[in-house]
């Protein structure tokens, strides 16, 4: 039985009923990856990538991939041979092979026997890592990192309100709104997203709605042809103020979505360098053993439909080593550099 929950942060959590053996559990994880991942996954390559990690449990155990068979070696001797399935894309067959190799390893290796649970999860961890994106299998005993509260601050010098947003949380939109209301003499706003690695996409959308009264904020697309979603602003009251957004190489994910939305829909001026280029959304699938799978399931795009993943966004004014340049704008870390702020004030002054 599958229970599906959609959290407000675009995180999808699926809980699975307990399974009697590793084979069913491995099959469930494999099936989740293949069926839910944003791009097609080769189950054979996935399983083999995970099985190659078996040597990290016992260096005398070696997994080998052949043309028609896969092998487990122990002390340089063949300990087991498994025929590859006739249907190369058979999830069930590769789950059986994986669990069979684990069973054999446990029988012949004291180290594997001692670490059987870890070995199973370690294989899944390396299989997921082989996807080469931001997908990750989290171990059942992995300690969850404490989520820091948003790092956000605001200061005014009269005409300009400078708001630095190092991370997002649910209170960020309200903080920004109250900051603007607190300084009624504000004539222009500078949003500093340098070093902001993103967070909850819905928070970025809510911040964008403070400045965008109509139009697309962000578009998301999954693997299915009918999975496209448009997040649209339809606000009656917004802050109609000149905007500058500071970006750098560490501006990523939902921070890039916010910067691009403000640029395209609120005519915000982008100042800094090319951004990181993370335009995907990870969904969390939770299993009864305590393990979790953070899997790339969707990609998001700017209001105009431009791709962000592996590309990033470019500023209107590129600042490299404190110099405004006209040539190609490369990535550079600029968090905390006052030169960008002063240049943004200069550009905004021309709009006042």
Protein backbone atom coordinates (compact mmCIF):
# COMPACT_ATOMS: atom_id res chain seq x y z
CA UNK A 1 0.00 0.00 0.00
CA UNK A 2 1.31 3.45 -0.87
CA UNK A 3 0.41 6.58 1.03
CA UNK A 4 1.09 9.84 -0.75
CA UNK A 5 1.50 13.18 0.92
CA UNK A 6 2.35 16.48 -0.77
CA UNK A 7 4.03 18.93 1.57
CA UNK A 8 3.80 22.67 0.98
CA UNK A 9 7.50 22.77 0.21
CA UNK A 10 7.06 20.67 -2.93
CA UNK A 11 8.45 17.64 -1.09
CA UNK A 12 6.58 14.43 -1.84
CA UNK A 13 6.74 11.68 0.79
CA UNK A 14 5.71 8.12 0.12
CA UNK A 15 5.56 5.57 2.95
CA UNK A 16 5.65 1.87 2.13
CA UNK A 17 4.32 -1.05 4.14
CA UNK A 18 6.94 -3.23 5.80
CA UNK A 19 8.47 -5.94 3.63
CA UNK A 20 9.57 -9.37 4.76
CA UNK A 21 12.96 -9.43 3.09
CA UNK A 22 15.68 -7.37 1.48
CA UNK A 23 14.64 -8.46 -1.99
CA UNK A 24 11.26 -6.75 -1.76
CA UNK A 25 12.80 -3.68 -0.16
CA UNK A 26 15.51 -3.38 -2.82
CA UNK A 27 12.91 -3.94 -5.53
CA UNK A 28 10.79 -1.14 -4.07
CA UNK A 29 13.71 1.30 -4.03
CA UNK A 30 14.77 0.33 -7.56
CA UNK A 31 11.19 0.69 -8.80
CA UNK A 32 10.84 4.10 -7.14
CA UNK A 33 14.00 5.36 -8.84
CA UNK A 34 13.08 4.02 -12.27
CA UNK A 35 9.45 5.14 -12.18
CA UNK A 36 9.85 8.54 -10.51
CA UNK A 37 13.20 9.92 -11.67
CA UNK A 38 12.96 12.92 -13.97
CA UNK A 39 14.96 11.24 -16.76
CA UNK A 40 15.05 7.58 -17.89
CA UNK A 41 17.11 5.24 -15.69
CA UNK A 42 18.83 2.04 -16.88
CA UNK A 43 18.15 -0.45 -14.07
CA UNK A 44 21.13 -2.62 -15.05
CA UNK A 45 23.56 0.28 -14.82
CA UNK A 46 21.93 1.42 -11.59
CA UNK A 47 22.25 -1.97 -9.88
CA UNK A 48 25.80 -2.55 -11.09
CA UNK A 49 26.91 0.87 -9.85
CA UNK A 50 25.58 -0.01 -6.41
CA UNK A 51 27.02 -3.53 -6.32
CA UNK A 52 30.50 -2.26 -7.10
CA UNK A 53 30.53 -0.72 -3.62
CA UNK A 54 30.55 -4.13 -1.95
CA UNK A 55 34.33 -3.97 -1.56
CA UNK A 56 33.92 -1.11 0.90
CA UNK A 57 32.45 -3.64 3.36
CA UNK A 58 35.17 -6.24 2.87
CA UNK A 59 38.13 -5.55 0.58
CA UNK A 60 38.33 -9.29 -0.17
CA UNK A 61 34.88 -9.14 -1.76
CA UNK A 62 34.89 -7.95 -5.37
CA UNK A 63 31.92 -7.56 -7.69
CA UNK A 64 32.60 -7.99 -11.40
CA UNK A 65 30.36 -7.22 -14.37
CA UNK A 66 30.58 -9.51 -17.39
CA UNK A 67 28.81 -9.64 -20.74
CA UNK A 68 26.15 -12.18 -19.78
CA UNK A 69 26.86 -12.74 -16.10
CA UNK A 70 27.87 -10.89 -12.96
CA UNK A 71 30.30 -12.36 -10.45
CA UNK A 72 31.20 -12.15 -6.80
CA UNK A 73 34.80 -12.90 -5.92
CA UNK A 74 36.14 -13.64 -2.48
CA UNK A 75 39.89 -13.79 -1.93
CA UNK A 76 40.29 -13.76 -5.72
CA UNK A 77 38.14 -16.89 -6.11
CA UNK A 78 34.68 -16.99 -7.71
CA UNK A 79 32.12 -17.17 -4.92
CA UNK A 80 29.01 -16.83 -7.05
CA UNK A 81 27.74 -16.31 -10.60
CA UNK A 82 24.43 -14.75 -11.58
CA UNK A 83 23.00 -14.67 -15.08
CA UNK A 84 21.84 -11.29 -16.28
CA UNK A 85 18.09 -11.24 -16.95
CA UNK A 86 16.84 -11.76 -20.48
CA UNK A 87 14.83 -8.59 -20.03
CA UNK A 88 17.54 -6.10 -19.23
CA UNK A 89 15.06 -3.65 -17.75
CA UNK A 90 13.57 -6.15 -15.28
CA UNK A 91 13.53 -4.43 -11.90
CA UNK A 92 12.46 -7.61 -10.11
CA UNK A 93 15.32 -9.61 -11.64
CA UNK A 94 17.97 -7.05 -10.69
CA UNK A 95 16.55 -6.86 -7.18
CA UNK A 96 16.88 -10.67 -6.96
CA UNK A 97 20.47 -10.50 -8.19
CA UNK A 98 21.32 -7.74 -5.73
CA UNK A 99 19.78 -9.54 -2.76
CA UNK A 100 21.37 -12.81 -3.88
CA UNK A 101 24.83 -11.24 -3.91
CA UNK A 102 24.20 -9.75 -0.48
CA UNK A 103 23.09 -13.17 0.86
CA UNK A 104 26.21 -14.82 -0.54
CA UNK A 105 28.46 -12.10 0.87
CA UNK A 106 26.89 -12.51 4.32
CA UNK A 107 27.51 -16.27 4.26
CA UNK A 108 31.19 -16.06 3.29
CA UNK A 109 32.35 -12.84 4.90
CA UNK A 110 32.29 -12.09 8.66
CA UNK A 111 32.54 -8.37 7.86
CA UNK A 112 29.54 -8.54 5.54
CA UNK A 113 27.59 -10.59 8.10
CA UNK A 114 28.30 -7.96 10.75
CA UNK A 115 27.25 -5.12 8.45
CA UNK A 116 24.41 -6.71 6.50
CA UNK A 117 21.95 -3.85 6.98
CA UNK A 118 24.57 -1.24 6.20
CA UNK A 119 25.70 -3.19 3.12
CA UNK A 120 22.20 -3.17 1.63
CA UNK A 121 21.80 0.56 2.20
CA UNK A 122 25.36 1.24 1.04
CA UNK A 123 24.57 -0.43 -2.29
CA UNK A 124 21.45 1.73 -2.64
CA UNK A 125 23.44 4.82 -1.70
CA UNK A 126 26.03 4.25 -4.44
CA UNK A 127 23.38 3.21 -6.97
CA UNK A 128 21.54 6.49 -6.39
CA UNK A 129 24.74 8.51 -6.47
CA UNK A 130 25.46 7.09 -9.93
CA UNK A 131 22.48 9.05 -11.29
CA UNK A 132 24.88 11.98 -11.33
CA UNK A 133 22.45 14.65 -10.13
CA UNK A 134 21.26 15.76 -6.70
CA UNK A 135 19.58 12.45 -5.92
CA UNK A 136 20.70 10.73 -2.74
CA UNK A 137 19.79 7.72 -0.63
CA UNK A 138 19.87 8.61 3.08
CA UNK A 139 20.76 5.80 5.49
CA UNK A 140 18.22 4.70 8.09
CA UNK A 141 20.56 5.72 10.94
CA UNK A 142 21.61 8.97 9.31
CA UNK A 143 21.12 11.89 11.67
CA UNK A 144 19.01 14.62 10.14
CA UNK A 145 20.75 17.95 10.04
CA UNK A 146 19.04 20.69 11.96
CA UNK A 147 17.48 23.17 9.58
CA UNK A 148 18.77 26.60 10.43
CA UNK A 149 16.33 29.45 10.65
CA UNK A 150 16.42 31.82 7.73
CA UNK A 151 19.35 34.20 7.65
CA UNK A 152 17.79 37.44 6.58
CA UNK A 153 18.40 41.07 7.48
CA UNK A 154 17.35 44.51 6.29
CA UNK A 155 18.81 47.99 6.59
CA UNK A 156 17.84 51.33 5.13
CA UNK A 157 19.84 54.42 4.24
CA UNK A 158 16.80 56.46 3.29
CA UNK A 159 16.18 55.97 -0.41
CA UNK A 160 17.46 52.41 -0.58
CA UNK A 161 16.34 49.39 1.40
CA UNK A 162 18.97 46.64 1.35
CA UNK A 163 17.69 43.12 2.19
CA UNK A 164 20.17 40.27 2.45
CA UNK A 165 18.65 36.79 2.16
CA UNK A 166 21.17 34.02 2.79
CA UNK A 167 18.49 31.34 3.16
CA UNK A 168 14.72 30.99 2.98
CA UNK A 169 12.12 29.85 5.45
CA UNK A 170 8.34 30.25 5.69
CA UNK A 171 8.68 33.60 7.47
CA UNK A 172 10.90 35.20 4.79
CA UNK A 173 8.09 36.77 2.68
CA UNK A 174 6.49 38.35 5.75
CA UNK A 175 9.86 39.66 6.94
CA UNK A 176 10.48 41.33 3.58
CA UNK A 177 6.99 42.79 3.48
CA UNK A 178 7.28 44.20 6.99
CA UNK A 179 10.74 45.59 6.27
CA UNK A 180 9.44 47.60 3.32
CA UNK A 181 6.47 48.85 5.35
CA UNK A 182 8.79 49.80 8.21
CA UNK A 183 10.66 52.20 5.95
CA UNK A 184 7.98 54.16 4.04
CA UNK A 185 10.62 56.50 2.58
CA UNK A 186 12.09 53.62 0.55
CA UNK A 187 12.37 54.46 -3.13
CA UNK A 188 14.16 51.30 -4.33
CA UNK A 189 14.94 47.82 -3.01
CA UNK A 190 18.11 45.76 -3.30
CA UNK A 191 17.64 42.03 -2.71
CA UNK A 192 20.94 40.30 -2.04
CA UNK A 193 20.78 36.62 -3.05
CA UNK A 194 24.53 36.10 -3.22
CA UNK A 195 25.43 32.87 -1.43
CA UNK A 196 21.77 31.82 -1.21
CA UNK A 197 21.68 28.13 -2.13
CA UNK A 198 17.91 27.98 -2.25
CA UNK A 199 15.39 26.07 -0.21
CA UNK A 200 11.63 25.80 -0.38
CA UNK A 201 10.40 26.79 -3.81
CA UNK A 202 7.03 27.94 -2.46
CA UNK A 203 8.83 30.54 -0.32
CA UNK A 204 10.60 31.96 -3.37
CA UNK A 205 7.23 32.12 -5.14
CA UNK A 206 5.67 33.99 -2.21
CA UNK A 207 8.53 36.50 -2.18
CA UNK A 208 8.11 37.07 -5.91
CA UNK A 209 4.41 37.78 -5.37
CA UNK A 210 5.35 40.81 -3.26
CA UNK A 211 6.60 42.49 -6.44
CA UNK A 212 4.79 40.76 -9.32
CA UNK A 213 1.09 41.50 -9.81
CA UNK A 214 0.42 39.24 -12.78
CA UNK A 215 2.06 36.53 -14.87
CA UNK A 216 4.04 33.34 -14.53
CA UNK A 217 6.57 33.17 -11.69
CA UNK A 218 7.98 29.72 -12.37
CA UNK A 219 7.10 26.62 -14.39
CA UNK A 220 7.81 23.07 -13.25
CA UNK A 221 7.88 19.95 -15.39
CA UNK A 222 8.08 16.28 -14.41
CA UNK A 223 8.72 13.24 -16.58
CA UNK A 224 5.09 12.84 -17.65
CA UNK A 225 3.86 14.90 -20.60
CA UNK A 226 0.93 16.27 -18.57
CA UNK A 227 2.97 17.17 -15.48
CA UNK A 228 3.67 20.83 -16.35
CA UNK A 229 2.57 23.28 -13.65
CA UNK A 230 2.47 27.05 -13.88
CA UNK A 231 2.76 29.14 -10.73
CA UNK A 232 1.13 32.48 -11.45
CA UNK A 233 0.94 35.79 -9.61
CA UNK A 234 -2.49 37.40 -9.42
CA UNK A 235 -1.95 40.03 -6.76
CA UNK A 236 -3.98 43.20 -6.36
CA UNK A 237 -1.40 45.00 -4.23
CA UNK A 238 2.34 44.74 -4.73
CA UNK A 239 5.36 46.89 -3.99
CA UNK A 240 5.90 48.78 -7.21
CA UNK A 241 9.47 49.82 -6.48
CA UNK A 242 12.61 49.74 -8.62
CA UNK A 243 14.47 46.50 -7.86
CA UNK A 244 18.03 45.25 -8.06
CA UNK A 245 18.92 41.64 -7.31
CA UNK A 246 22.49 40.67 -6.44
CA UNK A 247 23.58 37.19 -7.61
CA UNK A 248 26.79 35.17 -7.72
CA UNK A 249 28.06 31.64 -8.38
CA UNK A 250 26.49 30.37 -5.14
CA UNK A 251 23.02 31.68 -5.93
CA UNK A 252 21.22 28.41 -6.60
CA UNK A 253 17.94 26.55 -6.94
CA UNK A 254 14.88 28.48 -5.68
CA UNK A 255 17.04 31.61 -5.29
CA UNK A 256 17.68 31.41 -9.04
CA UNK A 257 13.94 30.97 -9.62
CA UNK A 258 13.26 34.12 -7.58
CA UNK A 259 15.94 36.18 -9.33
CA UNK A 260 14.75 35.18 -12.80
CA UNK A 261 11.08 35.83 -11.95
CA UNK A 262 11.82 39.31 -10.63
CA UNK A 263 14.02 40.02 -13.64
CA UNK A 264 11.49 38.93 -16.25
CA UNK A 265 8.25 39.99 -14.56
CA UNK A 266 9.20 42.94 -12.34
CA UNK A 267 11.99 44.41 -14.47
CA UNK A 268 14.52 43.87 -11.68
CA UNK A 269 18.14 44.62 -12.59
CA UNK A 270 20.48 41.67 -11.99
CA UNK A 271 23.96 42.55 -10.73
CA UNK A 272 26.86 40.16 -10.10
CA UNK A 273 27.98 37.00 -11.88
CA UNK A 274 26.54 33.89 -13.48
CA UNK A 275 24.61 31.76 -10.99
CA UNK A 276 25.12 28.11 -10.00
CA UNK A 277 22.59 26.46 -12.33
CA UNK A 278 20.50 24.12 -10.18
CA UNK A 279 17.07 23.95 -11.76
CA UNK A 280 15.71 20.69 -10.37
CA UNK A 281 13.38 19.68 -7.55
CA UNK A 282 14.02 16.69 -5.30
CA UNK A 283 11.15 14.68 -3.83
CA UNK A 284 11.62 12.66 -0.64
CA UNK A 285 10.47 9.03 -0.53
CA UNK A 286 10.48 7.54 2.98
CA UNK A 287 10.69 3.79 3.65
CA UNK A 288 9.64 1.81 6.70
CA UNK A 289 13.23 0.84 7.47
CA UNK A 290 13.96 4.51 8.17
CA UNK A 291 15.83 5.12 4.95
CA UNK A 292 14.93 8.00 2.67
CA UNK A 293 15.43 8.64 -1.00
CA UNK A 294 15.88 12.22 -2.21
CA UNK A 295 15.17 11.82 -5.91
CA UNK A 296 15.21 14.34 -8.74
CA UNK A 297 11.66 14.30 -10.07
CA UNK A 298 11.00 17.75 -11.56
CA UNK A 299 12.76 20.61 -13.32
CA UNK A 300 11.82 24.27 -13.12
CA UNK A 301 12.08 27.04 -15.69
CA UNK A 302 12.03 30.84 -15.74
CA UNK A 303 8.76 32.67 -16.65
CA UNK A 304 9.88 32.87 -20.28
CA UNK A 305 10.58 29.13 -20.31
CA UNK A 306 14.37 29.36 -20.14
CA UNK A 307 16.24 26.41 -18.68
CA UNK A 308 18.24 26.91 -15.45
CA UNK A 309 19.65 23.43 -14.83
CA UNK A 310 23.40 23.31 -15.59
CA UNK A 311 23.15 26.79 -17.11
CA UNK A 312 22.20 29.32 -14.45
CA UNK A 313 21.19 32.89 -15.14
CA UNK A 314 23.30 35.83 -16.22
CA UNK A 315 23.29 39.33 -14.74
CA UNK A 316 22.50 42.50 -16.63
CA UNK A 317 25.70 43.93 -15.19
CA UNK A 318 28.55 41.49 -14.72
CA UNK A 319 31.03 42.32 -11.98
CA UNK A 320 34.26 40.34 -11.91
CA UNK A 321 36.96 41.31 -9.41
CA UNK A 322 35.01 44.51 -8.66
CA UNK A 323 35.07 45.58 -12.30
CA UNK A 324 32.02 45.80 -14.55
CA UNK A 325 32.88 43.85 -17.69
CA UNK A 326 31.25 43.63 -21.12
CA UNK A 327 32.63 40.23 -22.10
CA UNK A 328 31.47 36.74 -21.13
CA UNK A 329 30.35 36.62 -17.50
CA UNK A 330 31.86 33.72 -15.59
CA UNK A 331 30.97 32.47 -12.15
CA UNK A 332 32.56 34.08 -9.09
CA UNK A 333 31.82 34.10 -5.37
CA UNK A 334 30.89 37.65 -4.37
CA UNK A 335 28.92 37.25 -1.14
CA UNK A 336 29.44 40.21 1.17
CA UNK A 337 31.30 42.31 -1.40
CA UNK A 338 30.13 45.94 -1.01
CA UNK A 339 31.09 46.88 -4.59
CA UNK A 340 27.98 45.14 -5.95
CA UNK A 341 25.72 47.01 -3.55
CA UNK A 342 27.17 50.39 -4.49
CA UNK A 343 26.87 49.63 -8.19
CA UNK A 344 23.23 48.55 -7.70
CA UNK A 345 22.50 51.86 -5.98
CA UNK A 346 24.10 53.69 -8.88
CA UNK A 347 21.93 51.88 -11.44
CA UNK A 348 18.75 52.30 -9.38
CA UNK A 349 19.44 56.00 -8.88
CA UNK A 350 18.94 56.46 -12.61
CA UNK A 351 15.38 55.09 -12.24
CA UNK A 352 14.35 57.37 -9.37
